[in-house]
């Protein structure tokens, strides 16, 4: 018997987001007075709130999220790993070694860094000081997790936002 778990935060206009990502906006497109109907246009950057990074996020000719069928986003061997890290910490391969057996089997791994609660209590910290993967740990994850198709976490980016100059390339490794 399958069990589905809702993993997404409800999207809000004032929710924390990475520094370069604009806030969502809702603007009138049509009005009853002029057009006989009220219709609003919602503008949301793809990295607002809970989101999926498809390969095209970092690879010019990579697959976009619309290239995947809904069935490809269903996972049957999930793993949840609690990995408590400090602010602005770059995840290294040695952080992952203890979970090697779990990672070999999983088709999706969800990392709990303990930042889900920080999202509401300290949005600045959540957006700017969260931990993230370094290039070496992303390479290690790809080499040692043969069944892995997705990685999730309770922070706004796979990379460590405080050190994007060092960690952004980690996106290209998984």
Foldseek 3Di string as FASTA:
>chain_A
DDDDDDDFDPFDQPFFFAPVFHGKDKAWDDDCVHHVDTDIDIDGDQLGGDHDDFPCVPDVPGDDPVVDDVVVVDWDLEEEAEQADFWLAEDAQVSCVVCLVSLQPGQEYEYERPCLVVRPVPSVSLRQTHYAYFLRNLLVSCVRRVNHDYYHYNGSDNHRNNPCVGRVCSSVRD
